[in-house]
Every structure is written in C-alpha cells, then in structure tokens.
Amino acid sequence: MTIGIDIRVLTRRTRTGVEEYAINLLSRLLRLDQNINFKLFFNAFHKTKPDYDWISLPNVQLHKFKIPNRFLFACARYLNYPKIDRLLKGADVFFNPHFFNAPLSKKCKKVMTFHDLSFEYHPELFSWRKRVWQNLLMNAKKEAKKADKIIAVSESTKQDLIDLYKINTKKIKVIYSGVGEEFRKISVSQFPSFPVSIKNKYHLPDKFVLYFGTIEPRKNIVGLIRAFELLKEKNKDFEEFYLVIAGGRGWLDKKIFKAAKESKYASHIIFTGFVNPEDKVYLYNLAALFVYPSFFEGFGFPPLEAMACGVPTITSANSSLPEVVGDSAIMVDPYDIEELTWAMELVLVDDNLKRELSRRGLERAKMFSWDKCAEETLSLIKSLI
C-alpha cells in the first residue's frame, strides 16, 4: 500500500495550528506500519527540504519539487493539473492535512483534513491578500466535495462543513487532535534554573496573565487588552500584574499593537514575539492565568496546552472551544469585555478556584492524544483500500 501525503504546509515560515497538527500527526503516523510506503509531496522553489527525523524513516520517500507555488496553485485551481499522484509515481490514497488544491487521477483516493471555516464566517478578520488567495487560488468547498473522506478536527467543524458546504455527514469523521507530551506541569524544584532563564530570555515579569497564539484579529487580542485595562482599574490588587502576549505576528496586527501602545497600562503589556517551541511549556508554567478569548476556532491548541500545564484557563464559549475544554475552564462571551474582566478577576482572587481549574485541566488534557489521532487517521485512510 502506498500513501501520498501533502506536506506543503511545512514550507510556510509559521507554526500555527495547521503546522502543529501536521508535525505532530506525521511524526507518529509514519511509524505505525512499516509495510506502508509513504510518499511525501513537498514543493518549494527556494527553500531547502524540511528537517524532521521522520523524513528519514526507511518506508518514507520525500519527493521535492521546485514549481513556483502560485503557478502550481493556479494550475490546480483552474486546469486541475498536474496530478499529484502521478508526480509521486503512484499512490493508492493521498492524504492532505490541509485543504490545499491537489488534483489526483481517478484511481487515487483522497483524504483531507479541515481545521476550520473561519474564513467563511469572518472574512473581515482576514487580510485582503488572504481573501484574494482564498477566492482565486483556493476553493475549499470544491476540495471538500471532491474528497473521498474528510477529517474534521471537531464536531463544530464537522457541522460547519454540513451547514455551509452541504457535505454528506457519512463522508466526515471527527478525529480530535492531541496535545504534546512536552506540555506538562513543571516543578520548580525539579528544574530550578528554568524560571530565571526563561524570564530573562522573554523579559517576563513575576506576575502575569498569558495569551499565546498568532497576533491577529480573530484571536480578539484587542478585547483582551481592554479587559486587562478594566481589571487594573477595578482592583488595585492587580497593580503588579502584566499582560504577556506571546506568539508570532499575523495579518492585520497593526490595530492590536496600536491598542497596546495607546493603553493607559502600556508599560504592563509585553509582546514576546515568536517563542521557540521548546520554550512554550515554560511560559505556560510561569503564568498565573491563561486567557484565550478567540472569536472562532476549529480546534484551539493553546487552551489545551495551558490546561496540560496546570494553568487556570479562560476561553470563549463558541465554535469548538467548549468541546476542547469541557468543564475544565471558564468560558465567556468574547464580545463582552466586562464578562471577560469579571472572569479574570474571579480566578485571580480565588485560590480554591485556581486549584480546581488546574486539577480539572490536567485531567481534561489527558483525553487528547496524538497517538490516538494518528491511529484513527491511518485507520480511516486504510478503509478506502
């Protein structure tokens, strides 16, 4: 059996949820069955090949092409060419961990993962370039229609595919993503040097509320800044608290930085910039509270990662987030700044609540496993043969 896999998402110089999904899933899936021949489709005109240990597995072949991406996407979108399985010199099934256009010959089955349809629900939260890209070079609905099977990362995303694209429910399988084993509660006694080194590296204060994710409008960071301001104004006990906004820059981020710069508490708002993946667990562990008031998520890795680290978590009561956090986090209306402020204050002043949220979060995170995700994904792919 030969399985082709599209790893073009790993050519992007970002580490968003889609990249996290592809990296964590493939590192496990490719090791599950040594009798399967995996052919990885990688296209990058200038970039070197990706550096992951699973690419060197004996049953894995990397097929690298240097076709200009815009040209490749345009041909795929409007000419339904080239056939990717033929470029790979044959494949029984082609798995795409994102809905990139991937024309295939009739004999090759297709499995595709959909993470969310936020671009359909909230186009105003995306840059004009992103909207042009979606409209001219991508066609998510068409790709969903052509796929033999679709993996939805949440029931919320599955329902969106049914409601917006009219996809047959039998064609969609919900397979939850996992949380990495590296996300765990760390004892300072076990790693006495980490607080000082990480604080110095990212200029972190002693007491802070943490947001982690891409800096973009969909994450409602301006709303978080407003809630933080209100929190500081309401209660003098929070004078020493900072808001730490961690993560790389996304589209339409100028308003976010402007809101922080013009804030009365600008000196207490810190942007770390990109955080090395190996450092993320330490930032979570140093935070007093994690807040993720996103307007829309297909899955939502950061709240789950925070809970796996034992950090009390507040997130939005919308899209997939209730599925992920269950009753282990406080959920709020992301459009209600006063409610968000109230939730932050409630957690920060109540030690019993903090301990209970930490306990529940640790238990909840155990339900999400990358090994299970990989096994279910491979089982679905095999079912097409």
Protein backbone atom coordinates (compact mmCIF):
# COMPACT_ATOMS: atom_id res chain seq x y z
CA MET A 1 0.00 0.00 0.00
CA THR A 2 1.29 3.45 -0.94
CA ILE A 3 0.06 6.62 0.73
CA GLY A 4 0.93 10.05 -0.62
CA ILE A 5 0.97 12.91 1.87
CA ASP A 6 0.96 16.62 1.11
CA ILE A 7 3.45 18.40 3.38
CA ARG A 8 3.36 21.79 1.66
CA VAL A 9 2.01 23.34 4.85
CA LEU A 10 5.50 22.88 6.28
CA THR A 11 7.01 25.27 3.72
CA ARG A 12 5.38 28.22 5.48
CA ARG A 13 7.57 30.04 7.98
CA THR A 14 4.94 29.86 10.68
CA ARG A 15 3.92 27.49 13.48
CA THR A 16 0.16 27.89 13.61
CA GLY A 17 -2.32 25.17 14.47
CA VAL A 18 -2.14 23.64 10.98
CA GLU A 19 1.64 23.20 11.21
CA GLU A 20 1.35 21.84 14.75
CA TYR A 21 -1.19 19.32 13.51
CA ALA A 22 0.92 18.17 10.55
CA ILE A 23 4.16 17.86 12.51
CA ASN A 24 2.69 16.04 15.49
CA LEU A 25 0.45 13.76 13.46
CA LEU A 26 3.02 12.75 10.85
CA SER A 27 5.75 12.07 13.40
CA ARG A 28 3.53 9.29 14.73
CA LEU A 29 1.52 8.17 11.71
CA LEU A 30 4.57 7.35 9.58
CA ARG A 31 5.85 4.96 12.26
CA LEU A 32 2.64 2.96 12.69
CA ASP A 33 3.05 0.48 9.82
CA GLN A 34 6.43 -0.28 8.28
CA ASN A 35 4.72 -2.15 5.42
CA ILE A 36 3.19 1.05 4.10
CA ASN A 37 5.18 3.11 1.64
CA PHE A 38 4.72 6.82 2.38
CA LYS A 39 5.49 9.36 -0.35
CA LEU A 40 5.71 12.95 0.84
CA PHE A 41 4.86 15.70 -1.64
CA PHE A 42 6.95 18.79 -0.94
CA ASN A 43 7.05 21.83 -3.18
CA ALA A 44 9.37 24.77 -2.54
CA PHE A 45 11.05 26.87 -5.19
CA HIS A 46 13.81 28.27 -2.97
CA LYS A 47 13.54 26.57 0.42
CA THR A 48 15.59 23.56 1.44
CA LYS A 49 13.89 20.33 2.42
CA PRO A 50 12.20 20.11 5.82
CA ASP A 51 14.32 18.83 8.69
CA TYR A 52 12.35 16.23 10.63
CA ASP A 53 13.61 12.83 11.76
CA TRP A 54 10.56 11.04 10.36
CA ILE A 55 11.52 12.01 6.81
CA SER A 56 14.47 9.62 7.10
CA LEU A 57 12.40 6.58 8.04
CA PRO A 58 13.05 3.59 5.73
CA ASN A 59 9.44 3.48 4.49
CA VAL A 60 9.32 7.23 3.74
CA GLN A 61 10.30 8.95 0.50
CA LEU A 62 10.48 12.71 0.12
CA HIS A 63 9.55 13.93 -3.35
CA LYS A 64 10.66 17.53 -3.62
CA PHE A 65 9.62 19.77 -6.50
CA LYS A 66 10.59 23.32 -7.36
CA ILE A 67 7.43 24.54 -9.05
CA PRO A 68 6.56 28.18 -8.21
CA ASN A 69 3.73 27.90 -5.71
CA ARG A 70 1.41 30.48 -7.27
CA PHE A 71 1.79 28.77 -10.63
CA LEU A 72 1.13 25.36 -9.08
CA PHE A 73 -1.97 26.58 -7.24
CA ALA A 74 -3.31 28.38 -10.33
CA CYS A 75 -2.89 25.26 -12.48
CA ALA A 76 -4.51 23.11 -9.83
CA ARG A 77 -7.40 25.54 -9.35
CA TYR A 78 -8.26 26.22 -12.99
CA LEU A 79 -6.74 23.36 -15.01
CA ASN A 80 -6.99 20.51 -12.48
CA TYR A 81 -3.36 19.78 -13.26
CA PRO A 82 -0.77 18.40 -12.53
CA LYS A 83 -1.99 15.17 -10.99
CA ILE A 84 -0.07 14.93 -7.73
CA ASP A 85 -0.18 11.13 -7.50
CA ARG A 86 1.46 10.94 -10.94
CA LEU A 87 4.21 13.32 -9.84
CA LEU A 88 4.77 10.90 -6.97
CA LYS A 89 4.87 7.99 -9.45
CA GLY A 90 1.80 6.39 -7.98
CA ALA A 91 -0.23 6.35 -4.76
CA ASP A 92 -3.31 4.46 -3.62
CA VAL A 93 -4.51 7.22 -1.30
CA PHE A 94 -3.45 10.84 -0.99
CA PHE A 95 -3.75 12.49 2.42
CA ASN A 96 -3.79 16.25 2.71
CA PRO A 97 -3.53 17.67 6.28
CA HIS A 98 -4.97 20.95 4.95
CA PHE A 99 -7.36 21.81 2.09
CA PHE A 100 -4.69 22.77 -0.44
CA ASN A 101 -5.68 22.11 -4.05
CA ALA A 102 -4.33 18.71 -5.01
CA PRO A 103 -5.55 17.29 -8.36
CA LEU A 104 -5.45 13.50 -8.47
CA SER A 105 -6.07 10.82 -11.08
CA LYS A 106 -9.34 8.89 -10.79
CA LYS A 107 -7.71 5.79 -9.34
CA CYS A 108 -6.24 7.66 -6.34
CA LYS A 109 -8.46 8.25 -3.31
CA LYS A 110 -8.27 11.48 -1.32
CA VAL A 111 -8.48 12.13 2.43
CA MET A 112 -8.41 15.74 3.58
CA THR A 113 -8.39 17.46 6.96
CA PHE A 114 -10.45 20.57 7.60
CA HIS A 115 -9.40 22.60 10.63
CA ASP A 116 -11.99 25.38 10.46
CA LEU A 117 -14.08 27.54 8.17
CA SER A 118 -13.33 30.83 9.90
CA PHE A 119 -12.62 32.48 6.54
CA GLU A 120 -16.23 31.78 5.56
CA TYR A 121 -17.79 33.05 8.79
CA HIS A 122 -15.48 36.00 9.45
CA PRO A 123 -13.88 37.24 6.18
CA GLU A 124 -13.49 40.69 7.78
CA LEU A 125 -10.87 39.25 10.15
CA PHE A 126 -8.55 38.32 7.28
CA SER A 127 -6.26 40.49 5.17
CA TRP A 128 -7.25 41.32 1.62
CA ARG A 129 -4.35 39.17 0.39
CA LYS A 130 -5.70 36.20 2.34
CA ARG A 131 -9.19 36.77 0.94
CA VAL A 132 -7.85 37.00 -2.62
CA TRP A 133 -5.87 33.82 -2.03
CA GLN A 134 -9.00 32.01 -0.84
CA ASN A 135 -11.19 33.29 -3.66
CA LEU A 136 -8.82 33.00 -6.61
CA LEU A 137 -6.38 30.20 -5.84
CA MET A 138 -8.20 28.08 -3.29
CA ASN A 139 -11.64 26.57 -3.36
CA ALA A 140 -12.29 24.87 -0.05
CA LYS A 141 -15.85 23.90 -0.93
CA LYS A 142 -14.78 22.24 -4.16
CA GLU A 143 -11.97 20.37 -2.43
CA ALA A 144 -14.38 19.16 0.25
CA LYS A 145 -16.80 17.93 -2.41
CA LYS A 146 -14.05 16.05 -4.27
CA ALA A 147 -12.54 14.34 -1.21
CA ASP A 148 -13.48 10.72 -0.59
CA LYS A 149 -13.23 11.24 3.17
CA ILE A 150 -12.88 14.33 5.32
CA ILE A 151 -11.33 14.55 8.75
CA ALA A 152 -12.86 17.30 10.89
CA VAL A 153 -10.84 18.22 13.96
CA SER A 154 -14.01 18.90 15.97
CA GLU A 155 -17.76 18.35 15.90
CA SER A 156 -18.04 22.10 15.40
CA THR A 157 -16.03 21.96 12.18
CA LYS A 158 -18.00 18.92 11.02
CA GLN A 159 -21.26 20.79 11.47
CA ASP A 160 -19.86 23.81 9.62
CA LEU A 161 -18.97 21.57 6.65
CA ILE A 162 -22.51 20.19 6.64
CA ASP A 163 -24.20 23.57 7.04
CA LEU A 164 -22.07 25.66 4.65
CA TYR A 165 -20.89 23.15 2.05
CA LYS A 166 -23.73 20.59 2.30
CA ILE A 167 -21.26 17.73 2.73
CA ASN A 168 -22.79 14.33 3.46
CA THR A 169 -22.32 13.58 7.16
CA LYS A 170 -21.24 10.00 6.37
CA LYS A 171 -18.24 11.36 4.50
CA ILE A 172 -16.90 13.23 7.55
CA LYS A 173 -15.16 11.70 10.53
CA VAL A 174 -14.27 13.71 13.61
CA ILE A 175 -10.75 12.92 14.80
CA TYR A 176 -9.58 15.13 17.62
CA SER A 177 -6.05 16.46 17.59
CA GLY A 178 -3.77 15.78 20.54
CA VAL A 179 -1.64 17.68 22.98
CA GLY A 180 2.10 17.07 23.02
CA GLU A 181 3.70 15.18 25.90
CA GLU A 182 6.02 18.13 26.37
CA PHE A 183 3.16 20.16 27.81
CA ARG A 184 3.12 19.27 31.49
CA LYS A 185 3.15 20.82 34.91
CA ILE A 186 6.72 21.62 35.90
CA SER A 187 8.00 21.69 39.44
CA VAL A 188 10.49 24.46 40.10
CA SER A 189 12.32 22.09 42.45
CA GLN A 190 12.88 19.71 39.52
CA PHE A 191 14.10 22.44 37.16
CA PRO A 192 15.42 25.21 39.42
CA SER A 193 17.09 27.18 36.63
CA PHE A 194 14.17 27.44 34.21
CA PRO A 195 12.28 30.41 35.71
CA VAL A 196 15.28 32.71 35.63
CA SER A 197 16.49 31.71 32.18
CA ILE A 198 13.05 31.90 30.53
CA LYS A 199 12.17 35.17 32.26
CA ASN A 200 15.40 36.73 31.06
CA LYS A 201 15.01 35.38 27.54
CA TYR A 202 11.50 36.77 27.04
CA HIS A 203 11.63 39.67 29.53
CA LEU A 204 8.87 38.23 31.68
CA PRO A 205 7.63 39.73 34.96
CA ASP A 206 6.89 37.78 38.13
CA LYS A 207 3.09 38.02 37.85
CA PHE A 208 1.31 37.90 34.54
CA VAL A 209 -1.76 36.86 32.59
CA LEU A 210 -0.78 35.00 29.42
CA TYR A 211 -2.17 34.87 25.89
CA PHE A 212 -0.46 32.52 23.44
CA GLY A 213 -1.17 32.38 19.72
CA THR A 214 -0.85 34.25 16.45
CA ILE A 215 -1.24 38.03 16.71
CA GLU A 216 -4.30 38.54 14.51
CA PRO A 217 -7.85 39.95 14.83
CA ARG A 218 -9.59 36.56 15.03
CA LYS A 219 -7.96 35.95 18.41
CA ASN A 220 -9.67 39.01 19.95
CA ILE A 221 -6.46 40.37 21.47
CA VAL A 222 -7.77 43.94 21.44
CA GLY A 223 -10.68 42.72 23.56
CA LEU A 224 -8.21 41.08 25.94
CA ILE A 225 -6.26 44.33 26.23
CA ARG A 226 -9.47 46.21 27.06
CA ALA A 227 -10.39 43.61 29.69
CA PHE A 228 -6.91 43.84 31.21
CA GLU A 229 -7.24 47.62 31.42
CA LEU A 230 -10.58 47.29 33.16
CA LEU A 231 -9.17 44.70 35.54
CA LYS A 232 -6.35 47.07 36.56
CA GLU A 233 -8.79 49.94 37.06
CA LYS A 234 -11.24 47.92 39.16
CA ASN A 235 -8.84 46.32 41.60
CA LYS A 236 -5.60 47.79 42.95
CA ASP A 237 -4.51 44.30 43.99
CA PHE A 238 -3.53 43.77 40.35
CA GLU A 239 -1.11 46.69 40.12
CA GLU A 240 1.86 44.31 39.80
CA PHE A 241 0.22 42.13 37.15
CA TYR A 242 1.27 42.28 33.50
CA LEU A 243 -0.37 41.05 30.33
CA VAL A 244 2.02 38.90 28.27
CA ILE A 245 1.02 38.40 24.63
CA ALA A 246 3.15 35.60 23.19
CA GLY A 247 3.32 34.46 19.59
CA GLY A 248 4.31 35.46 16.09
CA ARG A 249 2.74 38.24 14.06
CA GLY A 250 -0.17 37.51 11.74
CA TRP A 251 -2.23 39.61 9.34
CA LEU A 252 -3.98 42.86 10.28
CA ASP A 253 -1.98 43.09 13.51
CA LYS A 254 -1.34 46.85 13.43
CA LYS A 255 -4.53 47.67 15.34
CA ILE A 256 -3.51 45.24 18.06
CA PHE A 257 -0.11 46.84 18.59
CA LYS A 258 -1.73 50.28 18.38
CA ALA A 259 -4.22 49.36 21.12
CA ALA A 260 -1.40 48.17 23.35
CA LYS A 261 0.78 51.20 22.68
CA GLU A 262 -2.05 53.65 23.41
CA SER A 263 -3.20 51.82 26.52
CA LYS A 264 -3.02 53.56 29.87
CA TYR A 265 -1.20 50.42 31.01
CA ALA A 266 1.12 50.10 28.03
CA SER A 267 4.10 49.62 30.34
CA HIS A 268 2.40 46.50 31.70
CA ILE A 269 1.74 44.89 28.31
CA ILE A 270 4.55 42.75 26.90
CA PHE A 271 4.82 41.22 23.42
CA THR A 272 7.34 38.37 23.41
CA GLY A 273 7.37 37.83 19.66
CA PHE A 274 7.91 34.32 18.33
CA VAL A 275 8.52 31.77 21.07
CA ASN A 276 10.69 28.74 20.38
CA PRO A 277 8.54 25.58 20.53
CA GLU A 278 10.71 24.10 23.29
CA ASP A 279 10.13 27.19 25.46
CA LYS A 280 6.33 27.21 25.27
CA VAL A 281 5.84 24.83 28.20
CA TYR A 282 7.85 27.12 30.47
CA LEU A 283 5.82 30.22 29.61
CA TYR A 284 2.63 28.36 30.41
CA ASN A 285 4.02 27.18 33.74
CA LEU A 286 5.10 30.68 34.73
CA ALA A 287 1.68 32.23 34.04
CA ALA A 288 -0.84 32.91 36.80
CA LEU A 289 -3.70 32.65 34.32
CA PHE A 290 -4.16 31.80 30.64
CA VAL A 291 -6.76 33.71 28.60
CA TYR A 292 -7.79 32.84 25.04
CA PRO A 293 -10.86 34.91 24.03
CA SER A 294 -10.88 33.91 20.36
CA PHE A 295 -13.86 34.73 18.14
CA PHE A 296 -13.65 31.41 16.27
CA GLU A 297 -11.61 28.20 16.41
CA GLY A 298 -11.70 24.89 14.58
CA PHE A 299 -9.95 23.19 17.49
CA GLY A 300 -7.83 25.52 19.63
CA PHE A 301 -4.46 24.17 20.74
CA PRO A 302 -3.38 26.87 23.24
CA PRO A 303 -6.15 26.34 25.83
CA LEU A 304 -5.48 22.61 25.79
CA GLU A 305 -1.72 23.15 26.11
CA ALA A 306 -2.26 25.53 29.01
CA MET A 307 -4.53 23.06 30.81
CA ALA A 308 -1.96 20.29 30.29
CA CYS A 309 0.47 22.54 32.16
CA GLY A 310 -1.97 23.02 35.03
CA VAL A 311 -2.66 26.67 34.26
CA PRO A 312 -6.16 28.01 35.12
CA THR A 313 -7.75 28.83 31.78
CA ILE A 314 -10.41 31.20 30.45
CA THR A 315 -11.62 30.86 26.87
CA SER A 316 -14.59 31.62 24.62
CA ALA A 317 -17.91 29.81 24.69
CA ASN A 318 -18.07 29.47 20.92
CA SER A 319 -17.18 27.23 17.95
CA SER A 320 -15.05 24.23 19.01
CA LEU A 321 -13.69 25.58 22.28
CA PRO A 322 -16.41 24.14 24.58
CA GLU A 323 -15.66 20.70 23.06
CA VAL A 324 -11.99 21.03 23.87
CA VAL A 325 -12.09 22.44 27.39
CA GLY A 326 -15.30 20.83 28.66
CA ASP A 327 -15.97 21.92 32.24
CA SER A 328 -12.26 22.42 32.93
CA ALA A 329 -12.06 26.11 32.02
CA ILE A 330 -14.19 29.20 32.48
CA MET A 331 -15.98 30.11 29.26
CA VAL A 332 -17.09 33.64 28.39
CA ASP A 333 -18.70 35.63 25.62
CA PRO A 334 -15.66 37.08 23.76
CA TYR A 335 -17.68 40.15 22.77
CA ASP A 336 -18.48 41.00 26.39
CA ILE A 337 -15.43 42.80 27.82
CA GLU A 338 -16.96 43.15 31.28
CA GLU A 339 -17.67 39.43 31.47
CA LEU A 340 -14.10 38.65 30.45
CA THR A 341 -12.81 41.07 33.09
CA TRP A 342 -15.06 39.50 35.72
CA ALA A 343 -13.79 36.01 34.89
CA MET A 344 -10.15 37.11 35.10
CA GLU A 345 -10.71 38.76 38.47
CA LEU A 346 -12.66 35.77 39.77
CA VAL A 347 -9.84 33.33 39.04
CA LEU A 348 -7.01 35.58 40.23
CA VAL A 349 -8.56 36.27 43.65
CA ASP A 350 -9.87 32.78 44.42
CA ASP A 351 -7.10 30.30 45.26
CA ASN A 352 -9.56 27.42 45.62
CA LEU A 353 -10.94 28.07 42.15
CA LYS A 354 -7.43 28.24 40.72
CA ARG A 355 -6.55 24.88 42.23
CA GLU A 356 -9.78 23.31 40.99
CA LEU A 357 -9.35 24.62 37.45
CA SER A 358 -5.77 23.39 37.45
CA ARG A 359 -6.84 19.92 38.59
CA ARG A 360 -9.65 19.69 36.05
CA GLY A 361 -7.45 20.98 33.25
CA LEU A 362 -4.76 18.38 33.88
CA GLU A 363 -7.38 15.61 33.74
CA ARG A 364 -9.09 17.01 30.65
CA ALA A 365 -5.84 17.26 28.69
CA LYS A 366 -5.23 13.52 29.14
CA MET A 367 -8.19 12.85 26.85
CA PHE A 368 -6.38 14.26 23.80
CA SER A 369 -3.62 12.04 22.42
CA TRP A 370 -1.57 12.39 19.25
CA ASP A 371 -1.04 8.62 19.23
CA LYS A 372 -4.80 8.09 19.17
CA CYS A 373 -5.16 10.77 16.48
CA ALA A 374 -2.54 9.02 14.30
CA GLU A 375 -4.10 5.58 14.76
CA GLU A 376 -7.59 6.81 13.85
CA THR A 377 -6.26 8.74 10.86
CA LEU A 378 -4.39 5.73 9.46
CA SER A 379 -7.44 3.51 10.04
CA LEU A 380 -9.60 5.93 8.03
CA ILE A 381 -7.06 6.06 5.19
CA LYS A 382 -6.79 2.26 5.06
CA SER A 383 -10.58 1.95 4.92
CA LEU A 384 -10.52 3.38 1.39
CA ILE A 385 -8.47 0.49 0.00
